[in-house]
C-alpha cells in the first residue's frame, strides 16, 4: 500500500515538472541587415527536437513562419506586433509571447502645408493666426515660421503681428528627426485690417511782449510741437515816416515733419513803440467792413462805425513780400457809409491793407481774383 501511494505522488511530481519547463521568448535584430529586414532569434526555454514553432508576422512580406529563427522583411515604417507560439509534443508543453517591433528606417516623403485665420485688429496693429496642417508631423517635429515682416516663430500654430497693411509672404519649414524628413512651403497673405494712425493734431498760436527799445518779442505757444517742428513768421511792414502807433498783421505757420501736421494763425497786433496811445480797429471786430472780399480789385470800405474828424483817410496796400504796391488819400464821402478803393491794376493774389485817419489805424487782408 505504501509503495503504491509513493509511486502515485512520484508520477504527479514528474508530470508537473515536465509541463512547467516550457517558456516562449525571442529577440529581434536589425543592425546587421538592410532597412526593413529583421532577424528573429528564438530564446524559448524547455524546447527540444519535438518542439513546433509558429510565428505570426503581420505586415511582413511573409506573414508566418514555422522555423525557430526566421527572417522577416518589412517595406514601410511603422509599429508591428510579432507573436511566437511553441508546442512540445513529448513531453507536452505550450507557450506564447507577443512583442512590438518599430521600423523607422525608411525615408519619409514630407509635404508642408498651413492655413491662416482672418485678420484681427488688436489696438493699433493686426494679428493673424496660422495653423500647421502638414501631414506626417510628430512629436519630434521642429517648426520654423517666417512671416515676411522680420518676425519668426518656432511654434506649431503661431500668431503673428503686423503693423502695416500689405501682401506678405509667409513660409513654414518643418523637420522631423525620427524619421528624418524636411519640407517647406510659402504662401502669400493679404493683411488689410491694420487701422490707420490717428490724425496728428497741432495748433499754431503765439503771444508777444510789450514793445521795448523799439523791439517786440513773439513767443510761440503752439500745441502739438516736437523736435521736427519748423516755424515761419510773417509781419506786415511798418509805415514809413516818423515812429507812430500802427496795427501789424503777424502770422505764424508751424509744421511738423513727423508726424505730418501744419497750422497757421494770424493776429492783428497793436505796435506802439513810441508810447503814443491810439484806438485800434480790427476787421474781425466789425468796426471796419470790407466787401466784397475776395473781389476783382474793387473794394468797398464801410467806416461808418469809426468816429472820424478828418475828411480823408490814407490807404496803403502791401503784397505778401511786404512791398508797398499802392497808396492813396481818399476823401470821406459824406452821407455815404461805403468808400470805394480801386485796386484793379494789381495782379491776383493776397494783400494787406493799412488804413490811417485821425491817428487811428486798422489792418485787413485782401484777396484779388479776376
Protein backbone atom coordinates (compact mmCIF):
# COMPACT_ATOMS: atom_id res chain seq x y z
CA UNK A 1 0.00 0.00 0.00
CA UNK A 2 2.74 2.46 0.94
CA UNK A 3 4.60 1.63 -2.27
CA UNK A 4 1.55 2.34 -4.42
CA UNK A 5 0.98 5.72 -2.78
CA UNK A 6 4.66 6.64 -3.25
CA UNK A 7 4.55 5.74 -6.95
CA UNK A 8 1.38 7.85 -7.43
CA UNK A 9 2.88 11.02 -5.91
CA UNK A 10 6.14 10.48 -7.83
CA UNK A 11 4.21 10.39 -11.11
CA UNK A 12 2.35 13.58 -10.23
CA UNK A 13 5.63 15.37 -9.45
CA UNK A 14 7.28 14.22 -12.69
CA UNK A 15 4.25 15.30 -14.75
CA UNK A 16 4.15 18.74 -13.06
CA UNK A 17 7.86 19.38 -13.65
CA UNK A 18 7.63 18.40 -17.33
CA UNK A 19 4.71 20.79 -18.01
CA UNK A 20 6.30 23.69 -16.11
CA UNK A 21 9.56 23.76 -18.14
CA UNK A 22 8.17 25.37 -21.37
CA UNK A 23 8.51 29.21 -21.85
CA UNK A 24 8.34 31.10 -25.20
CA UNK A 25 10.76 34.01 -25.68
CA UNK A 26 12.54 35.74 -28.62
CA UNK A 27 14.61 38.78 -29.61
CA UNK A 28 14.91 40.80 -32.83
CA UNK A 29 17.84 42.49 -34.57
CA UNK A 30 18.02 44.97 -37.48
CA UNK A 31 21.53 46.41 -37.15
CA UNK A 32 23.28 43.92 -39.44
CA UNK A 33 20.66 43.91 -42.18
CA UNK A 34 19.28 46.25 -44.85
CA UNK A 35 16.42 48.59 -43.98
CA UNK A 36 13.23 46.65 -43.27
CA UNK A 37 14.94 43.24 -42.75
CA UNK A 38 14.60 41.81 -39.22
CA UNK A 39 16.26 38.68 -37.79
CA UNK A 40 14.24 36.98 -35.03
CA UNK A 41 16.13 34.75 -32.59
CA UNK A 42 14.29 32.10 -30.59
CA UNK A 43 15.20 32.29 -26.88
CA UNK A 44 12.50 29.95 -25.61
CA UNK A 45 13.30 27.51 -22.80
CA UNK A 46 12.12 23.93 -22.40
CA UNK A 47 12.29 23.22 -26.14
CA UNK A 48 13.60 20.02 -27.74
CA UNK A 49 13.72 18.30 -31.09
CA UNK A 50 10.00 17.73 -30.90
CA UNK A 51 9.13 21.46 -30.46
CA UNK A 52 6.90 23.09 -33.07
CA UNK A 53 7.24 26.87 -33.76
CA UNK A 54 4.54 29.18 -35.05
CA UNK A 55 5.44 32.80 -35.86
CA UNK A 56 2.84 35.48 -36.63
CA UNK A 57 4.41 38.36 -38.60
CA UNK A 58 1.63 40.73 -39.78
CA UNK A 59 2.89 43.50 -42.09
CA UNK A 60 5.90 41.49 -43.31
CA UNK A 61 6.19 40.20 -46.86
CA UNK A 62 5.85 36.67 -45.38
CA UNK A 63 3.29 36.89 -42.60
CA UNK A 64 4.00 33.48 -40.96
CA UNK A 65 6.91 31.14 -40.30
CA UNK A 66 7.47 27.72 -38.69
CA UNK A 67 11.25 27.76 -38.25
CA UNK A 68 12.93 28.59 -34.94
CA UNK A 69 14.82 31.69 -36.14
CA UNK A 70 13.06 33.31 -39.10
CA UNK A 71 13.94 36.48 -41.03
CA UNK A 72 11.12 38.89 -41.97
CA UNK A 73 11.08 41.78 -44.46
CA UNK A 74 9.01 44.97 -43.94
CA UNK A 75 8.53 47.66 -46.58
CA UNK A 76 7.22 50.63 -44.58
CA UNK A 77 7.84 52.47 -41.35
CA UNK A 78 5.51 51.56 -38.52
CA UNK A 79 4.96 49.61 -35.33
CA UNK A 80 4.26 45.90 -35.81
CA UNK A 81 3.17 43.14 -33.40
CA UNK A 82 5.14 39.87 -33.63
CA UNK A 83 3.95 36.71 -31.85
CA UNK A 84 5.71 33.36 -31.21
CA UNK A 85 3.92 30.17 -30.08
CA UNK A 86 5.80 26.96 -29.17
CA UNK A 87 4.40 23.44 -28.62
CA UNK A 88 6.15 20.29 -27.45
CA UNK A 89 4.52 17.01 -28.33
CA UNK A 90 6.66 14.95 -25.95
CA UNK A 91 6.57 15.82 -23.20
CA UNK A 92 3.52 18.03 -23.70
CA UNK A 93 4.29 21.77 -23.38
CA UNK A 94 2.99 25.01 -24.95
CA UNK A 95 3.71 28.75 -24.51
CA UNK A 96 3.12 32.02 -26.42
CA UNK A 97 4.50 35.57 -26.37
CA UNK A 98 3.82 38.78 -28.37
CA UNK A 99 6.16 41.77 -28.67
CA UNK A 100 6.08 45.06 -30.64
CA UNK A 101 8.62 45.97 -33.31
CA UNK A 102 9.32 49.51 -34.61
CA UNK A 103 10.51 50.12 -38.17
CA UNK A 104 11.58 53.73 -38.90
CA UNK A 105 14.49 53.45 -41.31
CA UNK A 106 12.59 54.30 -44.49
CA UNK A 107 12.83 57.87 -45.82
CA UNK A 108 9.59 59.78 -45.29
CA UNK A 109 8.07 61.83 -48.08
CA UNK A 110 7.18 65.16 -46.40
CA UNK A 111 4.67 67.77 -47.52
CA UNK A 112 4.37 71.09 -45.67
CA UNK A 113 1.08 72.97 -45.54
CA UNK A 114 -0.74 75.53 -43.41
CA UNK A 115 -3.90 77.66 -43.30
CA UNK A 116 -4.46 81.12 -41.83
CA UNK A 117 -7.25 82.80 -39.91
CA UNK A 118 -8.99 86.11 -40.56
CA UNK A 119 -7.15 89.36 -39.92
CA UNK A 120 -7.99 90.66 -36.43
CA UNK A 121 -7.45 94.20 -35.11
CA UNK A 122 -5.59 94.45 -31.81
CA UNK A 123 -5.21 98.08 -30.81
CA UNK A 124 -3.12 99.81 -33.47
CA UNK A 125 -1.86 96.56 -35.10
CA UNK A 126 -3.29 93.50 -36.85
CA UNK A 127 -2.89 89.87 -35.85
CA UNK A 128 -3.31 86.68 -37.87
CA UNK A 129 -3.10 83.09 -36.62
CA UNK A 130 -1.51 80.29 -38.66
CA UNK A 131 -2.28 76.59 -38.29
CA UNK A 132 0.08 73.80 -39.38
CA UNK A 133 -1.77 71.19 -41.46
CA UNK A 134 1.32 69.31 -42.68
CA UNK A 135 0.94 65.50 -42.77
CA UNK A 136 3.49 63.16 -41.18
CA UNK A 137 4.40 65.52 -38.33
CA UNK A 138 5.05 64.02 -34.92
CA UNK A 139 6.44 64.86 -31.50
CA UNK A 140 9.94 65.20 -32.98
CA UNK A 141 8.86 67.87 -35.49
CA UNK A 142 10.63 71.22 -35.32
CA UNK A 143 8.86 74.24 -36.88
CA UNK A 144 10.36 77.40 -38.37
CA UNK A 145 7.96 80.17 -39.47
CA UNK A 146 8.93 83.37 -41.29
CA UNK A 147 6.09 85.89 -41.61
CA UNK A 148 7.71 88.23 -44.13
CA UNK A 149 7.73 91.14 -41.67
CA UNK A 150 11.09 90.44 -39.99
CA UNK A 151 9.46 88.25 -37.33
CA UNK A 152 9.67 84.46 -36.89
CA UNK A 153 8.25 81.72 -34.67
CA UNK A 154 9.04 78.13 -33.70
CA UNK A 155 5.53 77.30 -32.50
CA UNK A 156 3.40 74.72 -34.26
CA UNK A 157 0.42 77.09 -34.59
CA UNK A 158 1.68 80.67 -34.08
CA UNK A 159 0.04 84.10 -34.16
CA UNK A 160 1.86 86.91 -36.00
CA UNK A 161 1.57 90.67 -35.51
CA UNK A 162 1.59 93.11 -38.45
CA UNK A 163 1.97 96.88 -38.14
CA UNK A 164 1.14 97.80 -41.75
CA UNK A 165 -1.32 96.62 -44.38
CA UNK A 166 0.07 94.82 -47.41
CA UNK A 167 0.86 91.49 -49.07
CA UNK A 168 3.25 89.32 -47.04
CA UNK A 169 4.98 86.05 -47.97
CA UNK A 170 4.68 83.60 -45.08
CA UNK A 171 6.90 80.49 -45.11
CA UNK A 172 6.83 77.31 -43.00
CA UNK A 173 9.67 74.78 -42.78
CA UNK A 174 9.34 71.73 -40.56
CA UNK A 175 11.85 68.96 -39.82
CA UNK A 176 11.28 65.52 -38.33
CA UNK A 177 14.22 63.90 -36.58
CA UNK A 178 12.68 60.44 -36.34
CA UNK A 179 12.34 59.51 -39.11
CA UNK A 180 14.35 62.17 -40.91
CA UNK A 181 12.20 64.47 -43.03
CA UNK A 182 12.18 68.16 -44.06
CA UNK A 183 9.59 70.12 -46.05
CA UNK A 184 8.82 73.79 -46.77
CA UNK A 185 6.00 75.89 -48.19
CA UNK A 186 5.49 79.63 -48.81
CA UNK A 187 2.15 81.35 -49.28
CA UNK A 188 1.07 84.99 -49.61
CA UNK A 189 -1.38 86.55 -47.17
CA UNK A 190 -3.20 89.86 -47.51
CA UNK A 191 -3.16 91.98 -44.36
CA UNK A 192 -5.80 94.69 -44.71
CA UNK A 193 -7.16 95.36 -41.23
CA UNK A 194 -4.38 97.48 -39.70
CA UNK A 195 -6.21 100.63 -38.55
CA UNK A 196 -4.97 103.99 -39.87
CA UNK A 197 -2.81 106.00 -37.48
CA UNK A 198 -4.58 108.73 -35.53
CA UNK A 199 -4.66 112.07 -37.28
CA UNK A 200 -1.92 114.23 -35.77
CA UNK A 201 -3.17 117.45 -34.24
CA UNK A 202 -1.31 120.69 -33.86
CA UNK A 203 -2.43 124.27 -33.36
CA UNK A 204 -0.36 127.35 -34.04
CA UNK A 205 -0.54 130.17 -31.52
CA UNK A 206 1.68 132.85 -30.08
CA UNK A 207 1.92 135.68 -27.60
CA UNK A 208 4.04 138.81 -27.61
CA UNK A 209 5.85 141.05 -25.19
CA UNK A 210 5.31 144.81 -24.97
CA UNK A 211 7.49 146.93 -27.20
CA UNK A 212 10.88 147.57 -25.56
CA UNK A 213 13.59 149.75 -27.07
CA UNK A 214 11.87 149.60 -30.42
CA UNK A 215 11.59 145.81 -30.39
CA UNK A 216 8.73 143.42 -29.74
CA UNK A 217 9.35 139.72 -29.00
CA UNK A 218 6.95 136.98 -30.11
CA UNK A 219 6.68 133.63 -28.33
CA UNK A 220 5.19 130.50 -29.87
CA UNK A 221 2.59 128.85 -27.64
CA UNK A 222 1.67 126.30 -30.29
CA UNK A 223 0.49 122.86 -29.24
CA UNK A 224 1.42 119.51 -30.78
CA UNK A 225 5.02 120.53 -31.41
CA UNK A 226 8.01 118.18 -31.34
CA UNK A 227 11.67 118.07 -32.35
CA UNK A 228 10.70 118.14 -36.05
CA UNK A 229 8.63 121.35 -35.79
CA UNK A 230 9.64 124.26 -38.00
CA UNK A 231 8.32 127.82 -37.61
CA UNK A 232 7.72 130.51 -40.22
CA UNK A 233 6.88 134.03 -39.09
CA UNK A 234 5.49 136.92 -41.10
CA UNK A 235 4.79 140.51 -40.09
CA UNK A 236 3.32 143.27 -42.19
CA UNK A 237 5.81 146.12 -42.67
CA UNK A 238 5.66 149.25 -40.50
CA UNK A 239 4.53 152.50 -42.07
CA UNK A 240 7.08 154.97 -43.40
CA UNK A 241 7.73 158.25 -41.67
CA UNK A 242 8.25 159.09 -38.00
CA UNK A 243 7.51 156.33 -35.49
CA UNK A 244 3.83 156.14 -34.73
CA UNK A 245 1.45 153.51 -33.41
CA UNK A 246 0.11 151.16 -36.04
CA UNK A 247 -1.57 147.76 -36.36
CA UNK A 248 0.67 145.00 -37.69
CA UNK A 249 -0.56 141.68 -39.01
CA UNK A 250 1.66 138.96 -37.57
CA UNK A 251 1.35 135.37 -38.78
CA UNK A 252 2.91 132.13 -37.58
CA UNK A 253 2.95 128.88 -39.54
CA UNK A 254 4.18 125.76 -37.76
CA UNK A 255 4.87 122.45 -39.48
CA UNK A 256 5.77 119.00 -38.14
CA UNK A 257 7.50 116.53 -40.43
CA UNK A 258 6.99 113.51 -38.15
CA UNK A 259 4.06 113.06 -37.98
CA UNK A 260 2.95 115.45 -40.72
CA UNK A 261 0.93 118.33 -39.31
CA UNK A 262 0.69 122.05 -40.04
CA UNK A 263 -1.23 125.00 -38.67
CA UNK A 264 -1.27 128.77 -39.13
CA UNK A 265 -2.56 131.72 -37.17
CA UNK A 266 -2.61 135.46 -37.87
CA UNK A 267 -3.24 138.23 -35.38
CA UNK A 268 -3.54 141.99 -35.68
CA UNK A 269 -1.10 143.37 -33.11
CA UNK A 270 -1.04 146.96 -31.86
CA UNK A 271 2.52 148.24 -32.18
CA UNK A 272 3.12 151.33 -30.03
CA UNK A 273 6.87 151.66 -29.57
CA UNK A 274 6.69 155.46 -29.40
CA UNK A 275 4.37 155.45 -26.41
CA UNK A 276 1.58 157.18 -28.35
CA UNK A 277 -1.84 155.81 -27.47
CA UNK A 278 -4.44 155.28 -30.14
CA UNK A 279 -7.61 153.34 -30.78
CA UNK A 280 -7.23 150.04 -32.71
CA UNK A 281 -9.86 148.98 -35.20
CA UNK A 282 -9.83 145.35 -36.25
CA UNK A 283 -11.84 143.93 -39.14
CA UNK A 284 -12.90 140.95 -37.04
CA UNK A 285 -14.48 143.37 -34.53
CA UNK A 286 -16.78 144.70 -37.29
CA UNK A 287 -15.54 148.25 -36.81
CA UNK A 288 -14.40 148.34 -40.43
CA UNK A 289 -16.10 146.20 -43.06
CA UNK A 290 -14.55 145.42 -46.43
CA UNK A 291 -16.64 143.87 -49.20
CA UNK A 292 -16.67 142.06 -51.45
CA UNK A 293 -13.58 140.14 -50.33
CA UNK A 294 -12.28 138.44 -52.44
CA UNK A 295 -13.08 140.72 -55.35
CA UNK A 296 -11.84 141.62 -58.81
CA UNK A 297 -9.98 144.60 -57.35
CA UNK A 298 -12.87 146.92 -56.48
CA UNK A 299 -13.41 147.02 -52.71
CA UNK A 300 -15.89 148.94 -50.58
CA UNK A 301 -14.86 150.15 -47.13
CA UNK A 302 -17.61 150.71 -44.60
CA UNK A 303 -16.12 153.05 -41.99
CA UNK A 304 -19.40 154.28 -40.59
CA UNK A 305 -18.63 152.92 -37.14
CA UNK A 306 -15.44 154.96 -36.82
CA UNK A 307 -15.72 158.48 -35.50
CA UNK A 308 -13.51 160.40 -37.90
CA UNK A 309 -12.99 164.11 -37.61
CA UNK A 310 -10.85 164.17 -40.71
CA UNK A 311 -12.34 164.49 -44.17
CA UNK A 312 -9.90 161.98 -45.62
CA UNK A 313 -8.13 158.74 -44.79
CA UNK A 314 -4.95 157.16 -46.10
CA UNK A 315 -4.84 153.65 -47.59
CA UNK A 316 -1.64 151.66 -48.16
CA UNK A 317 -1.54 148.23 -49.80
CA UNK A 318 1.36 145.74 -49.27
CA UNK A 319 1.99 142.47 -51.09
CA UNK A 320 2.92 139.26 -49.25
CA UNK A 321 6.61 140.23 -49.52
CA UNK A 322 5.95 143.39 -47.53
CA UNK A 323 6.42 145.67 -50.53
CA UNK A 324 4.26 148.78 -50.81
CA UNK A 325 2.33 148.40 -54.08
CA UNK A 326 -0.39 151.04 -53.71
CA UNK A 327 -1.21 154.09 -51.63
CA UNK A 328 -3.91 156.70 -51.90
CA UNK A 329 -5.53 159.51 -49.98
CA UNK A 330 -9.27 159.03 -50.04
CA UNK A 331 -11.95 161.55 -49.19
CA UNK A 332 -14.62 160.57 -46.73
CA UNK A 333 -17.80 160.64 -48.79
CA UNK A 334 -20.31 162.45 -46.63
CA UNK A 335 -23.70 160.85 -46.44
CA UNK A 336 -22.35 157.55 -47.64
CA UNK A 337 -21.15 154.69 -45.47
CA UNK A 338 -19.21 152.96 -48.27
CA UNK A 339 -15.98 154.26 -49.75
CA UNK A 340 -14.65 152.59 -52.89
CA UNK A 341 -10.99 151.56 -53.36
CA UNK A 342 -9.87 150.63 -56.88
CA UNK A 343 -7.05 148.03 -56.96
CA UNK A 344 -7.86 146.52 -60.36
CA UNK A 345 -4.37 147.33 -61.60
CA UNK A 346 -2.85 144.83 -59.18
CA UNK A 347 -2.40 141.17 -60.15
CA UNK A 348 -4.27 138.34 -58.47
CA UNK A 349 -3.04 137.47 -55.00
CA UNK A 350 -3.19 138.22 -51.30
CA UNK A 351 -2.54 141.73 -49.99
CA UNK A 352 -2.54 143.59 -46.71
CA UNK A 353 -4.44 146.86 -46.31
CA UNK A 354 -3.48 149.52 -43.77
CA UNK A 355 -5.78 152.48 -43.20
CA UNK A 356 -4.83 155.59 -41.18
CA UNK A 357 -7.00 158.51 -40.15
CA UNK A 358 -7.03 160.84 -37.14
CA UNK A 359 -4.14 158.91 -35.53
CA UNK A 360 -6.24 155.80 -35.78
CA UNK A 361 -5.35 152.71 -37.80
CA UNK A 362 -6.64 149.33 -38.85
CA UNK A 363 -5.35 146.44 -40.97
CA UNK A 364 -7.03 143.77 -43.06
CA UNK A 365 -6.22 141.06 -45.55
CA UNK A 366 -7.48 141.42 -49.13
CA UNK A 367 -7.76 138.82 -51.88
CA UNK A 368 -7.82 139.85 -55.55
CA UNK A 369 -9.07 137.26 -58.03
CA UNK A 370 -10.16 138.16 -61.54
